[in-house]
């Protein structure tokens, strides 16, 4: 059992001995926001106060008085306003963390919490009608980190990119490509790219790279718009896949929407009709999504008989459900808020559990440089592509910056800061802590003073900076599990920043390789343990942990 489990068990026993009725009340043991509030804390008294209609501080005082824990585990228990019970851990339990981390290595922070359960994560899924843009890079960062967190928590995971390669948008892409082919051969007189849906210059590149015979055929209207669109989307999808691979975003499958038409789309329609979830109005077929909490009913088949995009999306999620995942997590862009209730309504109609489909919104990104927004003109088909950002600041910096804020929050991406190679840059600051430890270890080895890892006496570690650093190391597993369950990667960047700070403070206050061999060995092991945890945290973020900088 870890220390939190011991404390939870002790609180439960204290509640029983105090005669406090706690059935159905969760006993949460959390890390306080302020170090002055102890090492761990529980708000259980405040939860009980509502149920028992008693003063929360009085309940907290009864719990604190009744808690019985060994002195080598908890040094002090205190009830504080408005009703927290705070615990200060004993030094030995922190000291034991160091050899435990060194023994666990890259397994430290991992758990079997999700063992036996499967979660599918669909993310990015940008239409293959243009190169990936900045918000897609943010979605790639968030989605891949969530997958890493779920993997670390023992879940079986499947990563998927849904490719919208069907419908009017693909036909419009084809006509835009045809215009670029006309430009290539000087046959675009009297026309303007403004007439077309996809004005970006990337289609000029695709038209220019096609062999001349193929490109000239595009000028003949015997080549359908849909066929041209599929050609362009295939080229763009290949580019998307390269970008995702270079960015370190994992995908187990690229699922093509075109494979759903017509059979799976018709099957989804038939299921909704058979379930009594549809009605006709003005020739169109509506899904009764209001019966499942949506604000209005939604068209799934238009009056001309064509299925809507929404119906295709229902068919896709029905396919996910049939594959047997215990949970499906989808990341959507900031302009898709309205899609969430209708999609969850459709899945409820098809028999999914209420929490089966979980949607995470990924907020807008605004690029800033020198304190000013970087302008982009959609009208001219101009944008800053994901690839440009990677080439500018690098994969590590891009990922880390995207993960520093809660996923659904708008983000100002500071290019000026991202380019700095100093401790002002958050990712540089964390990576430098890892590299500094590697340098210290090399220095000790060169002097012949690097004892085997894990062989020191951790009871030597008593300085305040050593205690603070060990406490941060102790918190890593619960940080990982909490971030996984909440789908909040920003908890890991926050943790990594705090751990790097705790290490730098320890480094400046405590000479690691000094005159006392026993103390040097213990401090070197503490540094090694910190290096392990920094690397494990950076691995979860998909960021490298350099040994020199």
Protein backbone atom coordinates (compact mmCIF):
# COMPACT_ATOMS: atom_id res chain seq x y z
CA UNK A 1 0.00 0.00 0.00
CA UNK A 2 1.22 3.54 -0.67
CA UNK A 3 1.01 6.23 1.99
CA UNK A 4 -2.30 7.57 0.68
CA UNK A 5 -3.96 4.18 0.98
CA UNK A 6 -2.69 3.91 4.56
CA UNK A 7 -4.12 7.34 5.36
CA UNK A 8 -7.49 6.59 3.70
CA UNK A 9 -7.75 3.37 5.73
CA UNK A 10 -6.88 5.26 8.93
CA UNK A 11 -9.51 7.94 8.19
CA UNK A 12 -12.16 5.28 7.55
CA UNK A 13 -11.34 3.64 10.87
CA UNK A 14 -11.38 7.04 12.66
CA UNK A 15 -14.84 7.72 11.24
CA UNK A 16 -16.06 4.35 12.48
CA UNK A 17 -14.61 4.88 15.96
CA UNK A 18 -16.05 8.38 16.15
CA UNK A 19 -19.53 7.19 15.26
CA UNK A 20 -19.65 9.37 12.14
CA UNK A 21 -21.94 7.90 9.48
CA UNK A 22 -19.84 8.01 6.30
CA UNK A 23 -21.58 5.52 4.00
CA UNK A 24 -21.44 6.76 0.41
CA UNK A 25 -18.96 9.55 1.19
CA UNK A 26 -15.72 9.42 -0.78
CA UNK A 27 -12.54 9.75 1.28
CA UNK A 28 -10.25 11.75 -0.95
CA UNK A 29 -6.66 12.37 0.08
CA UNK A 30 -5.14 15.16 -1.97
CA UNK A 31 -2.06 17.29 -2.27
CA UNK A 32 -2.79 20.74 -0.77
CA UNK A 33 -2.26 23.76 -2.97
CA UNK A 34 -0.16 25.43 -0.27
CA UNK A 35 2.84 23.72 1.34
CA UNK A 36 1.91 25.35 4.66
CA UNK A 37 -1.27 23.26 4.69
CA UNK A 38 0.62 20.01 5.12
CA UNK A 39 1.83 17.31 2.76
CA UNK A 40 -1.55 15.64 2.24
CA UNK A 41 -5.07 16.70 3.09
CA UNK A 42 -8.65 15.41 3.07
CA UNK A 43 -11.87 17.42 2.69
CA UNK A 44 -14.02 14.50 3.93
CA UNK A 45 -15.28 16.50 6.94
CA UNK A 46 -16.85 19.06 4.61
CA UNK A 47 -18.57 16.31 2.63
CA UNK A 48 -19.89 14.82 5.87
CA UNK A 49 -21.04 18.21 7.17
CA UNK A 50 -23.67 18.48 4.44
CA UNK A 51 -24.92 14.98 5.17
CA UNK A 52 -24.85 15.21 8.99
CA UNK A 53 -25.79 18.91 9.18
CA UNK A 54 -22.90 19.57 11.54
CA UNK A 55 -20.05 22.09 11.66
CA UNK A 56 -17.28 20.86 9.28
CA UNK A 57 -14.44 22.08 11.51
CA UNK A 58 -15.89 20.21 14.49
CA UNK A 59 -16.08 17.03 12.40
CA UNK A 60 -12.50 17.56 11.19
CA UNK A 61 -11.31 17.92 14.79
CA UNK A 62 -13.02 14.63 15.76
CA UNK A 63 -11.39 12.85 12.82
CA UNK A 64 -7.94 14.30 13.55
CA UNK A 65 -8.18 13.22 17.20
CA UNK A 66 -9.22 9.68 16.25
CA UNK A 67 -6.74 9.00 13.43
CA UNK A 68 -4.15 6.42 14.48
CA UNK A 69 -1.11 6.18 12.24
CA UNK A 70 2.49 5.07 12.92
CA UNK A 71 4.90 7.88 13.77
CA UNK A 72 7.27 6.75 11.03
CA UNK A 73 4.47 7.35 8.53
CA UNK A 74 2.73 10.54 9.69
CA UNK A 75 4.40 13.04 11.98
CA UNK A 76 1.40 15.31 12.59
CA UNK A 77 -2.36 15.50 11.96
CA UNK A 78 -4.19 18.82 12.19
CA UNK A 79 -7.78 20.03 11.67
CA UNK A 80 -7.98 23.48 10.05
CA UNK A 81 -10.69 25.81 8.75
CA UNK A 82 -13.02 25.44 7.07
CA UNK A 83 -12.85 21.68 7.67
CA UNK A 84 -9.71 20.12 6.24
CA UNK A 85 -7.69 17.43 7.99
CA UNK A 86 -4.04 17.96 7.09
CA UNK A 87 -1.25 15.39 7.39
CA UNK A 88 2.47 16.05 7.62
CA UNK A 89 4.41 12.99 6.58
CA UNK A 90 7.26 11.60 8.66
CA UNK A 91 10.73 11.91 7.18
CA UNK A 92 11.33 8.12 6.93
CA UNK A 93 8.39 7.62 4.53
CA UNK A 94 9.85 10.30 2.25
CA UNK A 95 13.35 8.87 2.49
CA UNK A 96 12.09 5.41 1.49
CA UNK A 97 10.79 6.94 -1.74
CA UNK A 98 14.32 7.33 -3.11
CA UNK A 99 15.33 3.64 -3.26
CA UNK A 100 11.78 2.74 -4.33
CA UNK A 101 12.07 5.01 -7.39
CA UNK A 102 15.51 3.68 -8.29
CA UNK A 103 14.21 0.12 -8.05
CA UNK A 104 11.14 0.90 -10.19
CA UNK A 105 12.89 2.97 -12.86
CA UNK A 106 10.63 3.75 -15.81
CA UNK A 107 7.79 1.88 -14.07
CA UNK A 108 7.60 4.53 -11.35
CA UNK A 109 4.32 6.40 -11.75
CA UNK A 110 2.64 3.58 -13.65
CA UNK A 111 -0.25 1.55 -12.23
CA UNK A 112 -2.81 -1.12 -13.05
CA UNK A 113 -5.80 1.13 -12.24
CA UNK A 114 -7.32 0.62 -15.68
CA UNK A 115 -6.39 -3.02 -16.17
CA UNK A 116 -8.98 -4.97 -18.12
CA UNK A 117 -10.66 -1.83 -19.54
CA UNK A 118 -10.29 -0.39 -23.03
CA UNK A 119 -10.50 3.22 -24.18
CA UNK A 120 -10.46 4.44 -27.74
CA UNK A 121 -9.10 7.94 -28.32
CA UNK A 122 -9.95 9.70 -31.57
CA UNK A 123 -8.06 12.93 -32.06
CA UNK A 124 -6.97 15.55 -34.58
CA UNK A 125 -9.23 14.14 -37.37
CA UNK A 126 -8.74 17.32 -39.41
CA UNK A 127 -10.28 17.16 -42.88
CA UNK A 128 -7.79 16.09 -45.57
CA UNK A 129 -8.53 19.26 -47.54
CA UNK A 130 -5.40 21.14 -46.49
CA UNK A 131 -2.25 20.85 -44.38
CA UNK A 132 -2.56 20.56 -40.61
CA UNK A 133 -2.77 23.90 -38.82
CA UNK A 134 -1.87 25.11 -35.32
CA UNK A 135 -5.00 23.96 -33.50
CA UNK A 136 -4.41 20.48 -34.97
CA UNK A 137 -0.93 20.52 -33.45
CA UNK A 138 -2.47 21.32 -30.09
CA UNK A 139 -4.98 18.48 -30.50
CA UNK A 140 -2.12 16.13 -31.45
CA UNK A 141 -0.23 17.11 -28.29
CA UNK A 142 -3.26 16.65 -26.02
CA UNK A 143 -4.47 13.43 -27.62
CA UNK A 144 -1.10 11.69 -27.63
CA UNK A 145 -0.44 12.70 -24.00
CA UNK A 146 -3.86 11.39 -22.92
CA UNK A 147 -2.99 8.10 -24.60
CA UNK A 148 0.34 7.98 -22.74
CA UNK A 149 -1.41 8.68 -19.43
CA UNK A 150 -4.02 5.98 -20.04
CA UNK A 151 -1.32 3.50 -21.02
CA UNK A 152 0.59 4.35 -17.84
CA UNK A 153 -2.59 3.68 -15.84
CA UNK A 154 -3.01 0.20 -17.27
CA UNK A 155 -5.80 0.81 -19.80
CA UNK A 156 -5.86 -0.89 -23.16
CA UNK A 157 -5.88 1.95 -25.69
CA UNK A 158 -6.56 2.42 -29.38
CA UNK A 159 -5.67 5.66 -31.17
CA UNK A 160 -7.60 6.68 -34.27
CA UNK A 161 -7.76 9.48 -36.82
CA UNK A 162 -11.14 9.85 -38.57
CA UNK A 163 -10.61 10.91 -42.18
CA UNK A 164 -13.52 12.88 -43.71
CA UNK A 165 -12.82 11.82 -47.29
CA UNK A 166 -16.40 11.86 -48.60
CA UNK A 167 -19.06 14.32 -49.68
CA UNK A 168 -19.38 17.84 -51.05
CA UNK A 169 -16.16 19.08 -49.45
CA UNK A 170 -14.16 16.52 -51.45
CA UNK A 171 -15.91 17.58 -54.65
CA UNK A 172 -15.12 21.23 -53.84
CA UNK A 173 -11.49 20.24 -53.22
CA UNK A 174 -11.45 18.60 -56.64
CA UNK A 175 -12.71 21.73 -58.38
CA UNK A 176 -10.13 23.84 -56.55
CA UNK A 177 -7.40 21.46 -57.77
CA UNK A 178 -8.78 21.65 -61.32
CA UNK A 179 -8.36 25.42 -61.22
CA UNK A 180 -4.73 25.05 -60.10
CA UNK A 181 -4.14 22.66 -63.01
CA UNK A 182 -5.59 25.30 -65.37
CA UNK A 183 -3.15 27.81 -63.89
CA UNK A 184 -0.28 25.39 -64.50
CA UNK A 185 -1.08 25.21 -68.22
CA UNK A 186 -2.11 28.85 -68.67
CA UNK A 187 -5.80 28.07 -69.13
CA UNK A 188 -7.23 29.97 -66.13
CA UNK A 189 -7.98 33.23 -67.92
CA UNK A 190 -11.15 34.88 -66.66
CA UNK A 191 -11.23 32.79 -63.49
CA UNK A 192 -10.06 33.55 -60.00
CA UNK A 193 -9.18 31.34 -57.06
CA UNK A 194 -11.69 33.44 -55.08
CA UNK A 195 -14.42 31.40 -56.80
CA UNK A 196 -13.23 28.21 -55.13
CA UNK A 197 -13.61 26.82 -51.62
CA UNK A 198 -9.95 25.92 -51.08
CA UNK A 199 -7.73 28.82 -52.19
CA UNK A 200 -4.55 27.70 -50.46
CA UNK A 201 -1.33 27.51 -52.48
CA UNK A 202 -0.80 23.89 -51.35
CA UNK A 203 -3.04 22.81 -54.24
CA UNK A 204 -0.69 24.61 -56.63
CA UNK A 205 2.05 22.34 -55.32
CA UNK A 206 -0.07 19.20 -55.79
CA UNK A 207 -1.02 20.26 -59.33
CA UNK A 208 2.60 21.03 -60.13
CA UNK A 209 3.90 17.71 -58.82
CA UNK A 210 1.47 15.58 -60.86
CA UNK A 211 2.86 14.19 -64.13
CA UNK A 212 1.85 16.27 -67.14
CA UNK A 213 -0.40 13.67 -68.76
CA UNK A 214 -2.40 13.18 -65.56
CA UNK A 215 -2.68 16.90 -64.89
CA UNK A 216 -3.86 17.67 -68.43
CA UNK A 217 -6.64 15.09 -68.08
CA UNK A 218 -7.92 17.07 -65.11
CA UNK A 219 -8.76 19.91 -67.48
CA UNK A 220 -11.27 17.64 -69.23
CA UNK A 221 -14.59 17.56 -67.44
CA UNK A 222 -14.73 13.81 -68.05
CA UNK A 223 -12.71 13.63 -64.82
CA UNK A 224 -15.28 14.00 -62.04
CA UNK A 225 -14.88 16.48 -59.20
CA UNK A 226 -15.06 13.66 -56.64
CA UNK A 227 -12.24 11.76 -58.39
CA UNK A 228 -10.04 14.85 -58.42
CA UNK A 229 -10.92 15.55 -54.80
CA UNK A 230 -9.96 12.02 -53.77
CA UNK A 231 -6.61 12.44 -55.52
CA UNK A 232 -5.92 15.68 -53.67
CA UNK A 233 -7.15 14.36 -50.32
CA UNK A 234 -4.93 11.27 -50.68
CA UNK A 235 -1.92 13.51 -51.26
CA UNK A 236 -2.85 15.67 -48.30
CA UNK A 237 -3.50 12.64 -46.09
CA UNK A 238 -0.02 11.33 -46.88
CA UNK A 239 1.37 14.70 -45.77
CA UNK A 240 -0.78 14.62 -42.62
CA UNK A 241 0.51 11.17 -41.73
CA UNK A 242 4.12 12.33 -42.15
CA UNK A 243 3.48 15.34 -39.93
CA UNK A 244 1.85 13.19 -37.26
CA UNK A 245 4.73 10.72 -37.35
CA UNK A 246 7.34 13.47 -37.09
CA UNK A 247 5.38 15.03 -34.23
CA UNK A 248 5.37 11.72 -32.35
CA UNK A 249 1.58 11.40 -32.38
CA UNK A 250 0.53 7.75 -32.28
CA UNK A 251 -2.29 6.46 -34.48
CA UNK A 252 -3.21 2.80 -34.67
CA UNK A 253 -5.65 3.44 -37.51
CA UNK A 254 -6.71 6.08 -40.02
CA UNK A 255 -10.43 5.37 -40.43
CA UNK A 256 -11.86 6.53 -43.78
CA UNK A 257 -15.38 7.98 -43.76
CA UNK A 258 -15.82 6.70 -47.32
CA UNK A 259 -15.82 3.12 -45.99
CA UNK A 260 -19.07 3.87 -44.14
CA UNK A 261 -20.98 4.75 -47.31
CA UNK A 262 -23.51 3.53 -48.13
CA UNK A 263 -23.93 0.37 -46.03
CA UNK A 264 -22.96 1.49 -42.50
CA UNK A 265 -24.68 4.87 -42.89
CA UNK A 266 -27.88 3.15 -44.00
CA UNK A 267 -27.63 0.68 -41.13
CA UNK A 268 -27.35 3.51 -38.59
CA UNK A 269 -30.37 5.20 -40.17
CA UNK A 270 -32.38 1.98 -40.04
CA UNK A 271 -31.53 1.45 -36.35
CA UNK A 272 -32.73 4.90 -35.41
CA UNK A 273 -35.93 4.46 -37.39
CA UNK A 274 -36.57 1.01 -35.92
CA UNK A 275 -36.04 2.38 -32.41
CA UNK A 276 -38.75 4.99 -32.92
CA UNK A 277 -36.24 7.84 -32.71
CA UNK A 278 -37.09 9.60 -35.99
CA UNK A 279 -39.89 11.48 -37.75
CA UNK A 280 -40.41 13.13 -41.14
CA UNK A 281 -40.98 16.81 -41.73
CA UNK A 282 -40.96 18.68 -45.05
CA UNK A 283 -39.52 15.62 -46.77
CA UNK A 284 -36.53 15.38 -44.42
CA UNK A 285 -35.98 12.81 -41.66
CA UNK A 286 -35.22 14.13 -38.18
CA UNK A 287 -33.62 12.37 -35.22
CA UNK A 288 -35.46 13.08 -31.94
CA UNK A 289 -32.33 14.21 -30.14
CA UNK A 290 -34.37 16.39 -27.74
CA UNK A 291 -35.57 13.15 -26.14
CA UNK A 292 -31.98 12.67 -24.96
CA UNK A 293 -31.21 16.19 -23.77
CA UNK A 294 -30.32 18.06 -26.98
CA UNK A 295 -31.82 21.52 -27.48
CA UNK A 296 -33.45 20.66 -30.82
CA UNK A 297 -34.02 17.71 -33.11
CA UNK A 298 -31.51 17.10 -35.91
CA UNK A 299 -31.81 16.27 -39.59
CA UNK A 300 -30.20 12.96 -40.52
CA UNK A 301 -31.55 12.63 -44.06
CA UNK A 302 -32.23 15.64 -46.25
CA UNK A 303 -35.34 16.05 -48.40
CA UNK A 304 -33.36 15.00 -51.49
CA UNK A 305 -32.56 11.67 -49.83
CA UNK A 306 -28.92 12.48 -49.08
CA UNK A 307 -27.57 11.58 -45.62
CA UNK A 308 -26.25 14.45 -43.53
CA UNK A 309 -22.73 14.62 -42.15
CA UNK A 310 -24.28 14.02 -38.73
CA UNK A 311 -25.69 10.67 -39.85
CA UNK A 312 -22.26 9.60 -41.12
CA UNK A 313 -20.81 10.57 -37.74
CA UNK A 314 -23.48 8.48 -36.01
CA UNK A 315 -22.51 5.54 -38.20
CA UNK A 316 -18.84 6.04 -37.31
CA UNK A 317 -19.54 6.08 -33.57
CA UNK A 318 -21.85 3.09 -33.92
CA UNK A 319 -18.88 1.29 -35.46
CA UNK A 320 -16.76 2.26 -32.43
CA UNK A 321 -19.46 0.97 -30.10
CA UNK A 322 -19.62 -2.32 -31.99
CA UNK A 323 -15.87 -2.75 -31.58
CA UNK A 324 -16.45 -3.14 -27.85
CA UNK A 325 -14.49 -0.28 -26.27
CA UNK A 326 -15.48 0.43 -22.68
CA UNK A 327 -15.17 4.15 -23.36
CA UNK A 328 -14.69 6.34 -26.42
CA UNK A 329 -12.90 9.67 -26.01
CA UNK A 330 -13.07 12.20 -28.82
CA UNK A 331 -11.23 15.50 -29.18
CA UNK A 332 -13.08 18.26 -31.02
CA UNK A 333 -12.04 21.73 -32.10
CA UNK A 334 -13.38 24.89 -30.47
CA UNK A 335 -16.07 25.45 -33.12
CA UNK A 336 -17.78 22.10 -32.50
CA UNK A 337 -19.48 22.69 -29.14
CA UNK A 338 -22.92 22.16 -30.67
CA UNK A 339 -21.93 18.74 -31.95
CA UNK A 340 -21.42 17.30 -28.47
CA UNK A 341 -25.03 17.01 -27.15
CA UNK A 342 -26.39 15.70 -30.46
CA UNK A 343 -23.67 13.05 -30.71
CA UNK A 344 -24.16 11.91 -27.13
CA UNK A 345 -27.93 11.82 -27.77
CA UNK A 346 -27.42 9.59 -30.81
CA UNK A 347 -25.24 7.16 -28.89
CA UNK A 348 -27.79 6.98 -26.07
CA UNK A 349 -30.44 6.15 -28.69
CA UNK A 350 -28.21 3.33 -29.96
CA UNK A 351 -27.88 1.86 -26.47
CA UNK A 352 -24.52 3.22 -25.29
CA UNK A 353 -23.99 3.82 -21.58
CA UNK A 354 -24.48 7.48 -20.54
CA UNK A 355 -20.75 8.03 -20.03
CA UNK A 356 -19.55 5.90 -22.95
CA UNK A 357 -18.83 8.85 -25.26
CA UNK A 358 -16.62 11.50 -23.71
CA UNK A 359 -15.82 14.67 -25.61
CA UNK A 360 -12.86 16.94 -24.87
CA UNK A 361 -12.90 20.37 -26.45
CA UNK A 362 -9.54 21.73 -27.60
CA UNK A 363 -9.38 25.53 -27.37
CA UNK A 364 -8.23 28.08 -29.92
CA UNK A 365 -4.56 28.90 -30.34
CA UNK A 366 -3.32 32.41 -31.04
CA UNK A 367 0.29 32.79 -32.11
CA UNK A 368 2.05 35.73 -30.48
CA UNK A 369 5.40 37.28 -31.39
CA UNK A 370 6.96 40.17 -29.53
CA UNK A 371 3.71 40.66 -27.63
CA UNK A 372 1.63 40.99 -30.82
CA UNK A 373 -0.68 38.47 -32.55
CA UNK A 374 0.68 36.87 -35.72
CA UNK A 375 -1.86 37.77 -38.39
CA UNK A 376 -3.37 35.14 -40.66
CA UNK A 377 -5.71 35.79 -43.60
CA UNK A 378 -8.25 33.02 -44.16
CA UNK A 379 -9.73 34.89 -47.10
CA UNK A 380 -6.49 34.58 -49.01
CA UNK A 381 -6.12 30.94 -48.03
CA UNK A 382 -3.14 31.77 -45.87
CA UNK A 383 -2.41 30.11 -42.55
CA UNK A 384 0.51 28.97 -40.45
CA UNK A 385 0.82 25.23 -40.86
CA UNK A 386 1.75 22.81 -38.12
CA UNK A 387 4.89 21.93 -40.08
CA UNK A 388 6.04 25.57 -40.04
CA UNK A 389 5.68 25.70 -36.26
CA UNK A 390 7.67 22.46 -35.84
CA UNK A 391 10.43 23.80 -38.08
CA UNK A 392 10.48 27.07 -36.13
CA UNK A 393 10.49 26.01 -32.46
CA UNK A 394 10.90 22.21 -32.58
CA UNK A 395 8.66 19.33 -31.54
CA UNK A 396 9.59 19.36 -27.84
CA UNK A 397 8.82 23.02 -27.34
CA UNK A 398 5.61 22.92 -29.38
CA UNK A 399 4.23 19.95 -27.43
CA UNK A 400 5.17 21.32 -24.04
CA UNK A 401 3.68 24.76 -24.72
CA UNK A 402 0.43 23.20 -25.97
CA UNK A 403 0.19 21.07 -22.82
CA UNK A 404 0.83 23.84 -20.29
CA UNK A 405 -2.83 24.92 -20.19
CA UNK A 406 -6.08 23.06 -19.71
CA UNK A 407 -7.06 21.67 -23.11
CA UNK A 408 -10.32 23.61 -23.45
CA UNK A 409 -8.75 26.97 -22.55
CA UNK A 410 -7.75 29.41 -25.31
CA UNK A 411 -3.97 29.54 -25.59
CA UNK A 412 -1.59 32.31 -26.54
CA UNK A 413 1.49 30.58 -27.96
CA UNK A 414 4.43 32.91 -27.37
CA UNK A 415 6.86 32.33 -30.24
CA UNK A 416 9.39 34.74 -28.75
CA UNK A 417 9.52 32.75 -25.51
CA UNK A 418 9.41 29.40 -27.33
CA UNK A 419 12.59 30.25 -29.24
CA UNK A 420 14.58 31.13 -26.11
CA UNK A 421 17.16 28.67 -24.85
CA UNK A 422 17.18 29.85 -21.26
CA UNK A 423 15.38 29.07 -18.03
CA UNK A 424 12.70 31.58 -19.05
CA UNK A 425 11.51 28.90 -21.48
CA UNK A 426 9.49 26.36 -19.41
CA UNK A 427 10.47 23.26 -21.40
CA UNK A 428 14.14 24.30 -21.42
CA UNK A 429 13.94 24.79 -17.64
CA UNK A 430 12.65 21.24 -17.08
CA UNK A 431 14.99 19.63 -19.61
CA UNK A 432 17.93 21.50 -18.12
CA UNK A 433 17.18 19.99 -14.69
CA UNK A 434 17.47 16.52 -16.25
CA UNK A 435 20.66 17.44 -18.11
CA UNK A 436 22.16 19.00 -14.97
CA UNK A 437 21.62 15.77 -13.03
CA UNK A 438 23.23 13.77 -15.82
CA UNK A 439 26.21 16.13 -15.63
CA UNK A 440 26.48 15.70 -11.85
CA UNK A 441 26.45 11.91 -12.23
CA UNK A 442 29.17 12.09 -14.88
CA UNK A 443 31.24 14.33 -12.59
CA UNK A 444 30.91 11.84 -9.72
CA UNK A 445 31.85 8.95 -11.99
CA UNK A 446 34.92 10.79 -13.29
CA UNK A 447 36.04 11.35 -9.68
CA UNK A 448 35.38 7.71 -8.80
CA UNK A 449 32.80 8.77 -6.21
CA UNK A 450 29.63 7.41 -7.83
CA UNK A 451 28.55 4.45 -5.69
CA UNK A 452 26.10 1.98 -7.20
CA UNK A 453 22.58 3.41 -7.46
CA UNK A 454 20.27 2.55 -4.60
CA UNK A 455 23.01 1.46 -2.19
CA UNK A 456 23.12 4.62 -0.08
CA UNK A 457 21.54 5.30 3.30
CA UNK A 458 18.53 7.60 2.66
CA UNK A 459 18.31 8.53 6.36
CA UNK A 460 21.16 10.96 5.56
CA UNK A 461 18.64 13.14 3.71
CA UNK A 462 17.33 15.56 6.34
CA UNK A 463 17.83 19.09 4.93
CA UNK A 464 14.65 21.09 4.18
CA UNK A 465 15.47 21.19 0.46
CA UNK A 466 15.99 17.40 0.45
CA UNK A 467 12.67 16.88 2.20
CA UNK A 468 10.86 19.17 -0.25
CA UNK A 469 12.36 17.33 -3.22
CA UNK A 470 11.49 13.88 -1.84
CA UNK A 471 7.93 15.04 -1.21
CA UNK A 472 7.60 16.07 -4.86
CA UNK A 473 8.90 12.67 -5.95
CA UNK A 474 6.34 10.96 -3.72
CA UNK A 475 3.51 12.87 -5.41
CA UNK A 476 4.32 11.68 -8.95
CA UNK A 477 2.21 8.48 -9.10
CA UNK A 478 -0.96 10.19 -7.91
CA UNK A 479 -0.29 13.04 -10.35
CA UNK A 480 -0.19 10.54 -13.22
CA UNK A 481 -3.31 8.65 -12.16
CA UNK A 482 -5.21 11.87 -11.51
CA UNK A 483 -4.23 13.33 -14.88
CA UNK A 484 -5.26 10.11 -16.63
CA UNK A 485 -8.68 9.90 -15.00
CA UNK A 486 -9.40 13.62 -15.49
CA UNK A 487 -7.90 13.62 -19.03
CA UNK A 488 -5.82 16.64 -18.00
CA UNK A 489 -2.26 16.54 -19.39
CA UNK A 490 -1.54 20.03 -18.04
CA UNK A 491 -1.22 18.48 -14.58
CA UNK A 492 1.97 16.77 -15.76
CA UNK A 493 3.59 19.94 -17.14
CA UNK A 494 2.73 21.72 -13.87
CA UNK A 495 4.25 18.84 -11.91
CA UNK A 496 7.40 18.76 -14.05
CA UNK A 497 7.89 22.50 -13.57
CA UNK A 498 7.52 22.20 -9.79
CA UNK A 499 9.85 19.20 -9.63
CA UNK A 500 12.51 21.02 -11.66
CA UNK A 501 12.22 23.99 -9.29
CA UNK A 502 12.54 21.73 -6.24
CA UNK A 503 15.63 20.11 -7.75
CA UNK A 504 17.30 23.42 -8.63
CA UNK A 505 16.70 24.63 -5.05
CA UNK A 506 18.20 21.41 -3.68
CA UNK A 507 21.16 21.70 -6.06
CA UNK A 508 22.00 25.23 -4.94
CA UNK A 509 21.49 24.54 -1.21
CA UNK A 510 23.10 21.09 -0.89
CA UNK A 511 26.45 20.12 -2.37
CA UNK A 512 25.80 16.74 -3.95
CA UNK A 513 29.36 15.41 -4.29
CA UNK A 514 31.13 16.62 -1.15
CA UNK A 515 33.52 15.61 1.62
CA UNK A 516 31.21 13.15 3.41
CA UNK A 517 31.04 9.92 1.35
CA UNK A 518 27.81 8.67 2.98
CA UNK A 519 26.01 11.98 2.49
CA UNK A 520 27.33 12.30 -1.05
CA UNK A 521 26.05 8.83 -1.92
CA UNK A 522 22.59 9.62 -0.50
CA UNK A 523 22.38 12.94 -2.32
CA UNK A 524 23.57 11.35 -5.54
CA UNK A 525 20.80 8.75 -5.23
CA UNK A 526 18.28 11.54 -4.61
CA UNK A 527 19.51 13.24 -7.78
CA UNK A 528 19.26 9.94 -9.67
CA UNK A 529 15.70 9.40 -8.44
CA UNK A 530 14.79 12.91 -9.57
CA UNK A 531 16.31 12.22 -12.98
CA UNK A 532 14.15 9.07 -13.28
CA UNK A 533 10.97 10.98 -12.45
CA UNK A 534 11.78 13.93 -14.69
CA UNK A 535 12.32 11.54 -17.59
CA UNK A 536 9.12 9.62 -16.83
CA UNK A 537 7.16 12.88 -16.75
CA UNK A 538 8.71 14.11 -20.02
CA UNK A 539 8.04 10.73 -21.64
CA UNK A 540 4.34 11.09 -20.78
CA UNK A 541 4.36 14.49 -22.46
CA UNK A 542 6.14 13.09 -25.50
CA UNK A 543 9.13 15.39 -24.85
CA UNK A 544 12.76 14.28 -24.87
CA UNK A 545 14.92 14.20 -21.74
CA UNK A 546 18.42 15.29 -22.86
CA UNK A 547 21.57 14.32 -20.97
CA UNK A 548 23.39 17.47 -22.03
CA UNK A 549 22.37 20.94 -23.17
